[in-house]
C-alpha atoms as a PDB file:
ATOM      1  CA  MET A   1      92.053  86.536  95.809  1.00  0.00           C
ATOM      2  CA  LEU A   2      93.901  89.396  97.652  1.00  0.00           C
ATOM      3  CA  PHE A   3      96.974  91.067  96.419  1.00  0.00           C
ATOM      4  CA  SER A   4      99.708  91.890  98.991  1.00  0.00           C
ATOM      5  CA  VAL A   5     101.725  94.608  97.438  1.00  0.00           C
ATOM      6  CA  ILE A   6     104.983  96.312  98.240  1.00  0.00           C
ATOM      7  CA  TYR A   7     105.601  99.209  95.828  1.00  0.00           C
ATOM      8  CA  SER A   8     108.868 101.271  95.655  1.00  0.00           C
ATOM      9  CA  VAL A   9     109.453 104.182  93.420  1.00  0.00           C
ATOM     10  CA  ASP A  10     112.375 106.609  92.875  1.00  0.00           C
ATOM     11  CA  VAL A  11     112.405 109.581  90.595  1.00  0.00           C
ATOM     12  CA  PRO A  12     114.948 112.292  89.580  1.00  0.00           C
ATOM     13  CA  SER A  13     115.023 115.664  91.554  1.00  0.00           C
ATOM     14  CA  ASP A  14     112.945 117.463  88.821  1.00  0.00           C
ATOM     15  CA  GLU A  15     110.174 114.930  88.894  1.00  0.00           C
ATOM     16  CA  SER A  16     107.257 114.886  91.226  1.00  0.00           C
ATOM     17  CA  ILE A  17     107.027 111.681  93.332  1.00  0.00           C
ATOM     18  CA  ASP A  18     103.197 112.288  93.509  1.00  0.00           C
ATOM     19  CA  ALA A  19     102.812 111.492  89.856  1.00  0.00           C
ATOM     20  CA  PHE A  20     103.812 107.876  90.642  1.00  0.00           C
ATOM     21  CA  ALA A  21     101.868 107.435  93.907  1.00  0.00           C
ATOM     22  CA  PRO A  22      99.300 104.689  93.805  1.00  0.00           C
ATOM     23  CA  PRO A  23      95.553 105.575  93.353  1.00  0.00           C
ATOM     24  CA  THR A  24      93.384 105.782  96.523  1.00  0.00           C
ATOM     25  CA  LEU A  25      96.211 106.385  98.936  1.00  0.00           C
ATOM     26  CA  ASP A  26      93.971 105.638 101.953  1.00  0.00           C
ATOM     27  CA  LEU A  27      94.376 101.945 100.946  1.00  0.00           C
ATOM     28  CA  TRP A  28      98.159 102.121 101.487  1.00  0.00           C
ATOM     29  CA  ASP A  29     100.721 102.653 104.246  1.00  0.00           C
ATOM     30  CA  GLU A  30     103.735 104.742 103.469  1.00  0.00           C
ATOM     31  CA  THR A  31     106.754 102.965 104.938  1.00  0.00           C
ATOM     32  CA  GLU A  32     109.699 104.891 103.422  1.00  0.00           C
ATOM     33  CA  ASP A  33     110.350 108.428 102.187  1.00  0.00           C
ATOM     34  CA  ASP A  34     113.302 110.503 100.796  1.00  0.00           C
ATOM     35  CA  ASP A  35     115.493 109.456 103.723  1.00  0.00           C
ATOM     36  CA  GLN A  36     115.831 106.095 102.077  1.00  0.00           C
ATOM     37  CA  TYR A  37     116.764 107.428  98.608  1.00  0.00           C
ATOM     38  CA  GLN A  38     119.739 105.298  97.321  1.00  0.00           C
ATOM     39  CA  TYR A  39     120.458 106.704  93.788  1.00  0.00           C
ATOM     40  CA  ASP A  40     122.488 109.704  94.662  1.00  0.00           C
ATOM     41  CA  TYR A  41     125.479 108.010  93.113  1.00  0.00           C
ATOM     42  CA  LEU A  42     123.789 108.611  89.645  1.00  0.00           C
ATOM     43  CA  GLU A  43     124.806 111.932  88.365  1.00  0.00           C
ATOM     44  CA  GLY A  44     122.743 114.823  86.951  1.00  0.00           C
ATOM     45  CA  GLU A  45     118.939 114.885  87.618  1.00  0.00           C
ATOM     46  CA  TRP A  46     119.114 111.669  89.763  1.00  0.00           C
ATOM     47  CA  GLU A  47     121.204 113.432  92.478  1.00  0.00           C
ATOM     48  CA  ASN A  48     118.906 114.491  95.323  1.00  0.00           C
ATOM     49  CA  GLY A  49     116.061 112.569  93.872  1.00  0.00           C
ATOM     50  CA  HIS A  50     112.899 111.310  95.730  1.00  0.00           C
ATOM     51  CA  HIS A  51     111.889 107.844  97.043  1.00  0.00           C
ATOM     52  CA  ARG A  52     108.738 106.392  98.533  1.00  0.00           C
ATOM     53  CA  LYS A  53     107.582 102.935  99.513  1.00  0.00           C
ATOM     54  CA  TRP A  54     104.056 101.865 100.064  1.00  0.00           C
ATOM     55  CA  CYS A  55     102.454  98.671 101.229  1.00  0.00           C
ATOM     56  CA  GLY A  56      98.889  97.572 100.802  1.00  0.00           C
ATOM     57  CA  LEU A  57      96.490  94.629 100.789  1.00  0.00           C
ATOM     58  CA  LEU A  58      94.217  95.114  97.807  1.00  0.00           C
ATOM     59  CA  ASP A  59      91.285  93.359  96.241  1.00  0.00           C
ATOM     60  CA  ARG A  60      91.375  92.420  92.448  1.00  0.00           C
ATOM     61  CA  THR A  61      89.608  95.731  91.316  1.00  0.00           C
ATOM     62  CA  GLN A  62      91.918  97.758  93.598  1.00  0.00           C
ATOM     63  CA  PHE A  63      94.928  95.916  92.203  1.00  0.00           C
ATOM     64  CA  GLN A  64      93.804  96.342  88.581  1.00  0.00           C
ATOM     65  CA  ASP A  65      93.398 100.118  89.226  1.00  0.00           C
ATOM     66  CA  PHE A  66      96.839 100.257  90.784  1.00  0.00           C
ATOM     67  CA  VAL A  67      98.591  98.335  87.959  1.00  0.00           C
ATOM     68  CA  ASP A  68      96.722 100.522  85.182  1.00  0.00           C
ATOM     69  CA  HIS A  69      97.390 103.854  87.092  1.00  0.00           C
ATOM     70  CA  CYS A  70     101.104 103.140  87.520  1.00  0.00           C
ATOM     71  CA  GLY A  71     101.677 101.501  84.098  1.00  0.00           C
ATOM     72  CA  LEU A  72     102.872  98.155  85.576  1.00  0.00           C
ATOM     73  CA  MET A  73     103.732  94.867  83.907  1.00  0.00           C
ATOM     74  CA  ALA A  74     104.437  91.562  85.480  1.00  0.00           C
ATOM     75  CA  GLU A  75     107.812  89.917  85.029  1.00  0.00           C
ATOM     76  CA  ASP A  76     108.576  86.188  84.707  1.00  0.00           C
ATOM     77  CA  THR A  77     111.667  86.897  86.915  1.00  0.00           C
ATOM     78  CA  GLU A  78     112.514  84.737  89.864  1.00  0.00           C
ATOM     79  CA  THR A  79     112.509  86.738  93.137  1.00  0.00           C
ATOM     80  CA  MET A  80     113.599  85.914  96.710  1.00  0.00           C
ATOM     81  CA  GLY A  81     110.089  86.790  97.761  1.00  0.00           C
ATOM     82  CA  SER A  82     108.652  89.568  99.921  1.00  0.00           C
ATOM     83  CA  LEU A  83     109.679  90.205 103.447  1.00  0.00           C
ATOM     84  CA  GLY A  84     106.728  91.105 105.721  1.00  0.00           C
ATOM     85  CA  ALA A  85     104.102  91.163 102.917  1.00  0.00           C
ATOM     86  CA  PRO A  86     101.030  93.085 104.020  1.00  0.00           C
ATOM     87  CA  GLY A  87      98.362  90.756 105.533  1.00  0.00           C
ATOM     88  CA  LEU A  88     100.946  87.907 106.033  1.00  0.00           C
ATOM     89  CA  GLY A  89     102.851  88.955 108.980  1.00  0.00           C
ATOM     90  CA  PHE A  90     106.648  88.848 109.452  1.00  0.00           C
ATOM     91  CA  GLY A  91     108.349  86.374 107.255  1.00  0.00           C
ATOM     92  CA  VAL A  92     109.223  85.582 103.649  1.00  0.00           C
ATOM     93  CA  SER A  93     106.368  85.069 101.130  1.00  0.00           C
ATOM     94  CA  PRO A  94     106.739  84.169  97.479  1.00  0.00           C
ATOM     95  CA  ALA A  95     106.354  87.206  95.250  1.00  0.00           C
ATOM     96  CA  ILE A  96     105.872  88.027  91.551  1.00  0.00           C
ATOM     97  CA  SER A  97     107.795  91.080  90.413  1.00  0.00           C
ATOM     98  CA  PHE A  98     106.292  93.932  88.472  1.00  0.00           C
ATOM     99  CA  THR A  99     107.978  96.954  86.962  1.00  0.00           C
ATOM    100  CA  SER A 100     107.492  99.762  84.483  1.00  0.00           C
ATOM    101  CA  GLY A 101     109.412 101.069  81.462  1.00  0.00           C
ATOM    102  CA  ASP A 102     108.817 104.693  82.461  1.00  0.00           C
ATOM    103  CA  PRO A 103     112.193 106.549  82.025  1.00  0.00           C
ATOM    104  CA  CYS A 104     111.147 109.192  84.552  1.00  0.00           C
ATOM    105  CA  ALA A 105     111.071 106.639  87.478  1.00  0.00           C
ATOM    106  CA  ILE A 106     112.479 103.525  88.936  1.00  0.00           C
ATOM    107  CA  GLN A 107     109.428 101.399  89.983  1.00  0.00           C
ATOM    108  CA  SER A 108     109.640  98.090  91.731  1.00  0.00           C
ATOM    109  CA  VAL A 109     106.620  96.132  92.831  1.00  0.00           C
ATOM    110  CA  TYR A 110     106.483  92.679  94.769  1.00  0.00           C
ATOM    111  CA  VAL A 111     102.993  90.995  94.808  1.00  0.00           C
ATOM    112  CA  THR A 112     102.151  88.004  96.757  1.00  0.00           C
ATOM    113  CA  LEU A 113      98.741  86.399  96.217  1.00  0.00           C
ATOM    114  CA  VAL A 114      96.667  85.753  99.110  1.00  0.00           C
ATOM    115  CA  PRO A 115      93.801  83.153  98.780  1.00  0.00           C
ATOM    116  CA  GLU A 116      90.682  84.089 100.557  1.00  0.00           C
ATOM    117  CA  THR A 117      89.553  80.568 101.086  1.00  0.00           C
ATOM    118  CA  LYS A 118      91.138  77.682 102.991  1.00  0.00           C
ATOM    119  CA  CYS A 119      93.031  75.417 100.655  1.00  0.00           C
ATOM    120  CA  ARG A 120      95.299  72.419 100.789  1.00  0.00           C
ATOM    121  CA  SER A 121      98.969  73.152 101.163  1.00  0.00           C
ATOM    122  CA  VAL A 122     100.620  74.814  98.157  1.00  0.00           C
ATOM    123  CA  GLY A 123     103.656  73.319  96.497  1.00  0.00           C
ATOM    124  CA  LEU A 124     106.128  74.661  93.981  1.00  0.00           C
ATOM    125  CA  GLY A 125     104.162  73.358  91.056  1.00  0.00           C
ATOM    126  CA  ASP A 126     101.038  75.218  92.363  1.00  0.00           C
ATOM    127  CA  TRP A 127     103.131  78.415  92.671  1.00  0.00           C
ATOM    128  CA  GLU A 128     104.550  78.252  89.146  1.00  0.00           C
ATOM    129  CA  ARG A 129     101.010  77.670  87.754  1.00  0.00           C
ATOM    130  CA  VAL A 130      99.644  80.783  89.624  1.00  0.00           C
ATOM    131  CA  LYS A 131     102.757  82.912  88.717  1.00  0.00           C
ATOM    132  CA  SER A 132     102.299  81.913  84.984  1.00  0.00           C
ATOM    133  CA  ALA A 133      98.617  82.937  85.162  1.00  0.00           C
ATOM    134  CA  VAL A 134      99.419  86.387  86.720  1.00  0.00           C
ATOM    135  CA  VAL A 135     102.288  87.128  84.262  1.00  0.00           C
ATOM    136  CA  ALA A 136      99.848  86.134  81.417  1.00  0.00           C
ATOM    137  CA  VAL A 137      97.205  88.625  82.645  1.00  0.00           C
ATOM    138  CA  TYR A 138      99.490  91.509  83.723  1.00  0.00           C
ATOM    139  CA  GLY A 139     102.617  90.957  81.708  1.00  0.00           C
END
């Protein structure tokens, strides 16, 4: 199983964005920077904050390192999916939401599971089973 990951993080102006970067940056493509920061409407330290978005296609060990390093937890929240998930081309793919409770950052992660073997067509029941398993392991 591979993990197609879209990771977005925003921090206040006095925080280092590097502290929230994923480990092993050479596995990731940076797709957004401070130009896409959207939290200037928040007052105080959040004005003129920092933003990054990275995308990557990770194996299970790399994904586990990422989740541990960034302090992320899976949520049982319904999402509208990932648009252009790494390794899956342009389009919408089902995604599981991950987040962190760190008060120094707004972290948002969408993860789409990519089977490495050919399988039958996957239905909604299959997706719910897989999603429940991921939330149980990473939640």
